[in-house]
PDB file of N, CA and C in Angstrom:
ATOM      1  N   UNK A   1     -13.876   7.157  10.692  1.00  0.00           N
ATOM      2  CA  UNK A   1     -12.886   8.238   9.959  1.00  0.00           C
ATOM      3  C   UNK A   1     -12.470   7.415   8.174  1.00  0.00           C
ATOM      4  N   UNK A   2     -13.062   8.683   7.587  1.00  0.00           N
ATOM      5  CA  UNK A   2     -12.871   8.252   6.082  1.00  0.00           C
ATOM      6  C   UNK A   2     -12.123   9.103   5.320  1.00  0.00           C
ATOM      7  N   UNK A   3     -11.154   8.390   4.527  1.00  0.00           N
ATOM      8  CA  UNK A   3     -10.539   8.866   4.244  1.00  0.00           C
ATOM      9  C   UNK A   3     -10.378   9.237   2.604  1.00  0.00           C
ATOM     10  N   UNK A   4     -10.960  10.146   1.759  1.00  0.00           N
ATOM     11  CA  UNK A   4     -11.465  10.469   0.840  1.00  0.00           C
ATOM     12  C   UNK A   4     -10.589  11.571  -0.325  1.00  0.00           C
ATOM     13  N   UNK A   5      -9.414  12.012   0.277  1.00  0.00           N
ATOM     14  CA  UNK A   5      -9.116  12.190  -0.971  1.00  0.00           C
ATOM     15  C   UNK A   5      -7.207  11.980  -1.033  1.00  0.00           C
ATOM     16  N   UNK A   6      -6.719  11.674  -1.695  1.00  0.00           N
ATOM     17  CA  UNK A   6      -5.098  10.800  -1.386  1.00  0.00           C
ATOM     18  C   UNK A   6      -4.465  11.467  -2.737  1.00  0.00           C
ATOM     19  N   UNK A   7      -3.419  11.892  -2.626  1.00  0.00           N
ATOM     20  CA  UNK A   7      -2.745  12.489  -3.579  1.00  0.00           C
ATOM     21  C   UNK A   7      -1.388  11.468  -3.799  1.00  0.00           C
ATOM     22  N   UNK A   8      -0.916  10.879  -5.125  1.00  0.00           N
ATOM     23  CA  UNK A   8       0.304   9.892  -5.303  1.00  0.00           C
ATOM     24  C   UNK A   8       0.697  10.149  -6.338  1.00  0.00           C
ATOM     25  N   UNK A   9       2.473   9.991  -5.817  1.00  0.00           N
ATOM     26  CA  UNK A   9       2.981  10.426  -7.032  1.00  0.00           C
ATOM     27  C   UNK A   9       3.107   9.710  -8.227  1.00  0.00           C
ATOM     28  N   UNK A  10       2.683   8.499  -8.130  1.00  0.00           N
ATOM     29  CA  UNK A  10       2.951   7.127  -9.147  1.00  0.00           C
ATOM     30  C   UNK A  10       1.243   7.187  -9.946  1.00  0.00           C
ATOM     31  N   UNK A  11       2.202   6.607 -11.088  1.00  0.00           N
ATOM     32  CA  UNK A  11       0.856   6.172 -12.447  1.00  0.00           C
ATOM     33  C   UNK A  11       0.127   4.918 -11.884  1.00  0.00           C
ATOM     34  N   UNK A  12       0.931   3.677 -11.150  1.00  0.00           N
ATOM     35  CA  UNK A  12       0.087   2.744 -10.823  1.00  0.00           C
ATOM     36  C   UNK A  12      -0.691   2.366  -9.576  1.00  0.00           C
ATOM     37  N   UNK A  13      -1.007   1.381  -9.322  1.00  0.00           N
ATOM     38  CA  UNK A  13      -2.244   1.185  -7.962  1.00  0.00           C
ATOM     39  C   UNK A  13      -1.205   0.399  -6.565  1.00  0.00           C
ATOM     40  N   UNK A  14      -0.620  -0.886  -7.155  1.00  0.00           N
ATOM     41  CA  UNK A  14       0.440  -0.903  -6.010  1.00  0.00           C
ATOM     42  C   UNK A  14       1.636   0.286  -5.093  1.00  0.00           C
ATOM     43  N   UNK A  15       2.681   0.878  -5.754  1.00  0.00           N
ATOM     44  CA  UNK A  15       3.276   1.827  -4.731  1.00  0.00           C
ATOM     45  C   UNK A  15       2.145   3.108  -4.459  1.00  0.00           C
ATOM     46  N   UNK A  16       0.842   3.242  -4.803  1.00  0.00           N
ATOM     47  CA  UNK A  16       0.006   4.031  -4.462  1.00  0.00           C
ATOM     48  C   UNK A  16      -0.719   3.497  -3.300  1.00  0.00           C
ATOM     49  N   UNK A  17      -0.662   2.295  -3.064  1.00  0.00           N
ATOM     50  CA  UNK A  17      -1.471   1.807  -1.868  1.00  0.00           C
ATOM     51  C   UNK A  17      -0.014   1.890  -1.131  1.00  0.00           C
ATOM     52  N   UNK A  18       0.491   1.678  -1.042  1.00  0.00           N
ATOM     53  CA  UNK A  18       1.872   0.874   0.147  1.00  0.00           C
ATOM     54  C   UNK A  18       2.316   3.063   0.690  1.00  0.00           C
ATOM     55  N   UNK A  19       1.733   3.649   0.022  1.00  0.00           N
ATOM     56  CA  UNK A  19       2.553   5.012   0.063  1.00  0.00           C
ATOM     57  C   UNK A  19       1.647   5.314   0.898  1.00  0.00           C
ATOM     58  N   UNK A  20       0.194   5.133   0.983  1.00  0.00           N
ATOM     59  CA  UNK A  20      -1.138   5.575   1.823  1.00  0.00           C
ATOM     60  C   UNK A  20      -1.059   4.769   3.118  1.00  0.00           C
ATOM     61  N   UNK A  21      -0.290   3.695   2.717  1.00  0.00           N
ATOM     62  CA  UNK A  21      -0.560   2.556   4.033  1.00  0.00           C
ATOM     63  C   UNK A  21       0.758   3.100   4.831  1.00  0.00           C
ATOM     64  N   UNK A  22       1.890   3.177   4.561  1.00  0.00           N
ATOM     65  CA  UNK A  22       3.187   3.638   5.339  1.00  0.00           C
ATOM     66  C   UNK A  22       3.198   5.304   5.321  1.00  0.00           C
ATOM     67  N   UNK A  23       2.801   6.080   4.611  1.00  0.00           N
ATOM     68  CA  UNK A  23       2.908   7.388   4.875  1.00  0.00           C
ATOM     69  C   UNK A  23       4.385   7.827   4.421  1.00  0.00           C
ATOM     70  N   UNK A  24       5.114   6.810   3.524  1.00  0.00           N
ATOM     71  CA  UNK A  24       6.212   7.390   2.987  1.00  0.00           C
ATOM     72  C   UNK A  24       6.021   7.684   1.417  1.00  0.00           C
ATOM     73  N   UNK A  25       6.930   8.793   1.224  1.00  0.00           N
ATOM     74  CA  UNK A  25       7.403   9.309  -0.057  1.00  0.00           C
ATOM     75  C   UNK A  25       7.759   8.070  -1.235  1.00  0.00           C
ATOM     76  N   UNK A  26       6.841   8.147  -2.219  1.00  0.00           N
ATOM     77  CA  UNK A  26       7.405   7.420  -3.242  1.00  0.00           C
ATOM     78  C   UNK A  26       8.963   6.890  -3.541  1.00  0.00           C
ATOM     79  N   UNK A  27       9.433   7.849  -3.029  1.00  0.00           N
ATOM     80  CA  UNK A  27      11.360   7.760  -3.450  1.00  0.00           C
ATOM     81  C   UNK A  27      11.518   6.618  -2.087  1.00  0.00           C
ATOM     82  N   UNK A  28      10.891   6.777  -1.032  1.00  0.00           N
ATOM     83  CA  UNK A  28      11.334   6.067   0.273  1.00  0.00           C
ATOM     84  C   UNK A  28      10.504   4.774   0.125  1.00  0.00           C
ATOM     85  N   UNK A  29       8.989   4.540  -0.533  1.00  0.00           N
ATOM     86  CA  UNK A  29       8.338   3.436  -0.392  1.00  0.00           C
ATOM     87  C   UNK A  29       9.334   2.032  -0.910  1.00  0.00           C
ATOM     88  N   UNK A  30       8.850   0.926  -0.739  1.00  0.00           N
ATOM     89  CA  UNK A  30       9.446  -0.156  -1.086  1.00  0.00           C
ATOM     90  C   UNK A  30       8.898  -0.617  -2.061  1.00  0.00           C
ATOM     91  N   UNK A  31       8.306  -0.720  -2.500  1.00  0.00           N
ATOM     92  CA  UNK A  31       7.348  -0.393  -3.275  1.00  0.00           C
ATOM     93  C   UNK A  31       7.436   0.344  -4.134  1.00  0.00           C
ATOM     94  N   UNK A  32       7.539   0.156  -5.855  1.00  0.00           N
ATOM     95  CA  UNK A  32       7.818   1.093  -6.864  1.00  0.00           C
ATOM     96  C   UNK A  32       6.462   1.083  -7.893  1.00  0.00           C
ATOM     97  N   UNK A  33       6.162  -0.283  -8.043  1.00  0.00           N
ATOM     98  CA  UNK A  33       5.732  -0.679  -9.197  1.00  0.00           C
ATOM     99  C   UNK A  33       4.664  -1.878  -9.042  1.00  0.00           C
ATOM    100  N   UNK A  34       3.949  -2.263 -10.141  1.00  0.00           N
ATOM    101  CA  UNK A  34       3.514  -3.191 -10.138  1.00  0.00           C
ATOM    102  C   UNK A  34       4.084  -4.376 -10.488  1.00  0.00           C
ATOM    103  N   UNK A  35       4.201  -5.374  -9.615  1.00  0.00           N
ATOM    104  CA  UNK A  35       5.389  -6.328 -10.379  1.00  0.00           C
ATOM    105  C   UNK A  35       5.121  -8.042 -10.465  1.00  0.00           C
ATOM    106  N   UNK A  36       5.280  -8.722 -11.589  1.00  0.00           N
ATOM    107  CA  UNK A  36       4.474  -9.957 -11.750  1.00  0.00           C
ATOM    108  C   UNK A  36       5.888 -10.665 -10.431  1.00  0.00           C
ATOM    109  N   UNK A  37       4.310 -11.845 -10.368  1.00  0.00           N
ATOM    110  CA  UNK A  37       4.885 -12.459  -9.146  1.00  0.00           C
ATOM    111  C   UNK A  37       4.404 -14.135  -9.184  1.00  0.00           C
ATOM    112  N   UNK A  38       5.106 -14.896  -8.892  1.00  0.00           N
ATOM    113  CA  UNK A  38       4.710 -16.231  -8.908  1.00  0.00           C
ATOM    114  C   UNK A  38       4.537 -17.025 -10.341  1.00  0.00           C
ATOM    115  N   UNK A  39       5.490 -16.227 -11.446  1.00  0.00           N
ATOM    116  CA  UNK A  39       4.809 -17.141 -12.747  1.00  0.00           C
ATOM    117  C   UNK A  39       3.990 -16.042 -13.297  1.00  0.00           C
ATOM    118  N   UNK A  40       3.098 -15.187 -12.794  1.00  0.00           N
ATOM    119  CA  UNK A  40       1.723 -15.105 -13.808  1.00  0.00           C
ATOM    120  C   UNK A  40       1.870 -13.657 -14.143  1.00  0.00           C
ATOM    121  N   UNK A  41       1.369 -13.161 -15.209  1.00  0.00           N
ATOM    122  CA  UNK A  41       1.989 -12.018 -15.758  1.00  0.00           C
ATOM    123  C   UNK A  41       1.062 -10.640 -14.873  1.00  0.00           C
ATOM    124  N   UNK A  42       1.782  -9.781 -14.753  1.00  0.00           N
ATOM    125  CA  UNK A  42       1.121  -8.654 -14.180  1.00  0.00           C
ATOM    126  C   UNK A  42      -0.674  -8.312 -14.580  1.00  0.00           C
ATOM    127  N   UNK A  43      -1.283  -8.752 -15.789  1.00  0.00           N
ATOM    128  CA  UNK A  43      -2.038  -8.061 -16.050  1.00  0.00           C
ATOM    129  C   UNK A  43      -3.060  -9.430 -15.470  1.00  0.00           C
ATOM    130  N   UNK A  44      -2.601 -10.258 -14.792  1.00  0.00           N
ATOM    131  CA  UNK A  44      -3.643 -11.309 -14.596  1.00  0.00           C
ATOM    132  C   UNK A  44      -3.575 -11.208 -12.610  1.00  0.00           C
ATOM    133  N   UNK A  45      -2.007 -11.087 -11.647  1.00  0.00           N
ATOM    134  CA  UNK A  45      -2.170 -10.648 -10.610  1.00  0.00           C
ATOM    135  C   UNK A  45      -2.394  -9.204 -10.060  1.00  0.00           C
ATOM    136  N   UNK A  46      -2.253  -8.532 -10.857  1.00  0.00           N
ATOM    137  CA  UNK A  46      -2.535  -6.981 -10.533  1.00  0.00           C
ATOM    138  C   UNK A  46      -2.077  -6.421  -9.892  1.00  0.00           C
ATOM    139  N   UNK A  47      -0.725  -6.309  -9.799  1.00  0.00           N
ATOM    140  CA  UNK A  47       0.220  -5.843  -8.860  1.00  0.00           C
ATOM    141  C   UNK A  47       0.232  -6.119  -7.366  1.00  0.00           C
ATOM    142  N   UNK A  48       0.082  -7.402  -7.139  1.00  0.00           N
ATOM    143  CA  UNK A  48      -0.201  -7.829  -5.625  1.00  0.00           C
ATOM    144  C   UNK A  48       0.886  -8.068  -4.495  1.00  0.00           C
ATOM    145  N   UNK A  49       1.860  -7.074  -4.557  1.00  0.00           N
ATOM    146  CA  UNK A  49       3.536  -7.508  -4.299  1.00  0.00           C
ATOM    147  C   UNK A  49       3.069  -6.766  -2.515  1.00  0.00           C
ATOM    148  N   UNK A  50       2.883  -7.570  -1.656  1.00  0.00           N
ATOM    149  CA  UNK A  50       2.652  -7.581  -0.402  1.00  0.00           C
ATOM    150  C   UNK A  50       3.715  -6.411   0.321  1.00  0.00           C
ATOM    151  N   UNK A  51       3.330  -5.750   1.454  1.00  0.00           N
ATOM    152  CA  UNK A  51       5.012  -4.896   2.356  1.00  0.00           C
ATOM    153  C   UNK A  51       5.302  -6.059   2.866  1.00  0.00           C
ATOM    154  N   UNK A  52       6.702  -5.306   3.035  1.00  0.00           N
ATOM    155  CA  UNK A  52       7.573  -6.780   3.435  1.00  0.00           C
ATOM    156  C   UNK A  52       7.203  -7.121   5.442  1.00  0.00           C
ATOM    157  N   UNK A  53       7.367  -7.812   5.515  1.00  0.00           N
ATOM    158  CA  UNK A  53       7.124  -8.419   6.866  1.00  0.00           C
ATOM    159  C   UNK A  53       7.722  -7.656   8.026  1.00  0.00           C
ATOM    160  N   UNK A  54       6.646  -6.689   9.155  1.00  0.00           N
ATOM    161  CA  UNK A  54       7.185  -6.065  10.322  1.00  0.00           C
ATOM    162  C   UNK A  54       7.586  -4.458   9.785  1.00  0.00           C
ATOM    163  N   UNK A  55       6.733  -4.322   7.577  1.00  0.00           N
ATOM    164  CA  UNK A  55       6.505  -2.780   7.633  1.00  0.00           C
ATOM    165  C   UNK A  55       5.135  -2.417   9.240  1.00  0.00           C
ATOM    166  N   UNK A  56       6.002  -0.654   9.176  1.00  0.00           N
ATOM    167  CA  UNK A  56       5.074  -0.038  10.277  1.00  0.00           C
ATOM    168  C   UNK A  56       3.919   0.789   9.109  1.00  0.00           C
ATOM    169  N   UNK A  57       2.837   0.456   9.521  1.00  0.00           N
ATOM    170  CA  UNK A  57       1.336   0.963   8.886  1.00  0.00           C
ATOM    171  C   UNK A  57       0.609   1.997   9.197  1.00  0.00           C
ATOM    172  N   UNK A  58       0.285   3.200   8.649  1.00  0.00           N
ATOM    173  CA  UNK A  58      -0.878   3.712   9.643  1.00  0.00           C
ATOM    174  C   UNK A  58      -2.029   3.157  10.716  1.00  0.00           C
ATOM    175  N   UNK A  59      -2.123   1.939   9.481  1.00  0.00           N
ATOM    176  CA  UNK A  59      -3.323   1.091  10.822  1.00  0.00           C
ATOM    177  C   UNK A  59      -2.489   0.838  11.824  1.00  0.00           C
ATOM    178  N   UNK A  60      -0.725   0.032  11.978  1.00  0.00           N
ATOM    179  CA  UNK A  60      -0.647  -0.320  12.777  1.00  0.00           C
ATOM    180  C   UNK A  60      -0.480   0.649  14.211  1.00  0.00           C
ATOM    181  N   UNK A  61       0.127   2.080  13.342  1.00  0.00           N
ATOM    182  CA  UNK A  61      -0.234   3.635  14.104  1.00  0.00           C
ATOM    183  C   UNK A  61      -2.001   3.780  15.114  1.00  0.00           C
ATOM    184  N   UNK A  62      -2.841   3.812  14.313  1.00  0.00           N
ATOM    185  CA  UNK A  62      -4.300   3.953  14.621  1.00  0.00           C
ATOM    186  C   UNK A  62      -5.027   2.517  15.316  1.00  0.00           C
ATOM    187  N   UNK A  63      -4.628   1.297  15.356  1.00  0.00           N
ATOM    188  CA  UNK A  63      -3.929  -0.123  16.652  1.00  0.00           C
ATOM    189  C   UNK A  63      -3.700   0.600  17.522  1.00  0.00           C
ATOM    190  N   UNK A  64      -2.671   1.174  17.577  1.00  0.00           N
ATOM    191  CA  UNK A  64      -1.970   1.333  19.281  1.00  0.00           C
ATOM    192  C   UNK A  64      -2.223   2.650  19.548  1.00  0.00           C
ATOM    193  N   UNK A  65      -3.668   3.194  19.056  1.00  0.00           N
ATOM    194  CA  UNK A  65      -4.115   4.280  20.069  1.00  0.00           C
ATOM    195  C   UNK A  65      -5.457   3.637  20.455  1.00  0.00           C
ATOM    196  N   UNK A  66      -5.509   2.593  20.073  1.00  0.00           N
ATOM    197  CA  UNK A  66      -6.840   1.848  20.407  1.00  0.00           C
ATOM    198  C   UNK A  66      -8.419   1.763  19.560  1.00  0.00           C
ATOM    199  N   UNK A  67      -7.719   1.946  18.382  1.00  0.00           N
ATOM    200  CA  UNK A  67      -8.874   1.832  17.065  1.00  0.00           C
ATOM    201  C   UNK A  67      -9.008   0.532  16.098  1.00  0.00           C
ATOM    202  N   UNK A  68      -9.399   0.149  15.952  1.00  0.00           N
ATOM    203  CA  UNK A  68     -10.202  -1.421  14.914  1.00  0.00           C
ATOM    204  C   UNK A  68     -10.087  -0.616  13.529  1.00  0.00           C
ATOM    205  N   UNK A  69      -9.272  -1.297  12.441  1.00  0.00           N
ATOM    206  CA  UNK A  69      -8.483  -0.981  11.095  1.00  0.00           C
ATOM    207  C   UNK A  69      -9.398  -1.794  10.315  1.00  0.00           C
ATOM    208  N   UNK A  70      -8.656  -0.792   9.516  1.00  0.00           N
ATOM    209  CA  UNK A  70     -10.071  -1.733   8.048  1.00  0.00           C
ATOM    210  C   UNK A  70      -8.915  -1.312   6.822  1.00  0.00           C
ATOM    211  N   UNK A  71      -8.755  -1.631   5.919  1.00  0.00           N
ATOM    212  CA  UNK A  71      -8.253  -1.560   4.674  1.00  0.00           C
ATOM    213  C   UNK A  71      -9.279  -2.315   3.586  1.00  0.00           C
ATOM    214  N   UNK A  72     -10.011  -1.062   2.762  1.00  0.00           N
ATOM    215  CA  UNK A  72     -10.809  -2.026   1.856  1.00  0.00           C
ATOM    216  C   UNK A  72     -10.708  -1.076   0.504  1.00  0.00           C
ATOM    217  N   UNK A  73     -11.206  -1.880  -0.667  1.00  0.00           N
ATOM    218  CA  UNK A  73     -10.993  -1.314  -1.705  1.00  0.00           C
ATOM    219  C   UNK A  73      -9.454  -0.797  -1.884  1.00  0.00           C
ATOM    220  N   UNK A  74      -9.438   0.436  -3.116  1.00  0.00           N
ATOM    221  CA  UNK A  74      -8.008   0.748  -3.689  1.00  0.00           C
ATOM    222  C   UNK A  74      -7.828   1.799  -3.232  1.00  0.00           C
TER     223      UNK A  74
END
């Protein structure tokens, strides 16, 4: 299965990926922007804030149904 269309309510990549992976609306998502982590400016890190440990994702849902999953790209 290939997902080719995704609407996002955010203008930057990190929250858009979080919304796609968790199925949450931007107002309920934990990641709401690209953040600077580890002392590096965002222009070098590119918004790489991870989801919290234990966050249930669409991938987990599919794995529970017996599928093998991967996420590549943006």
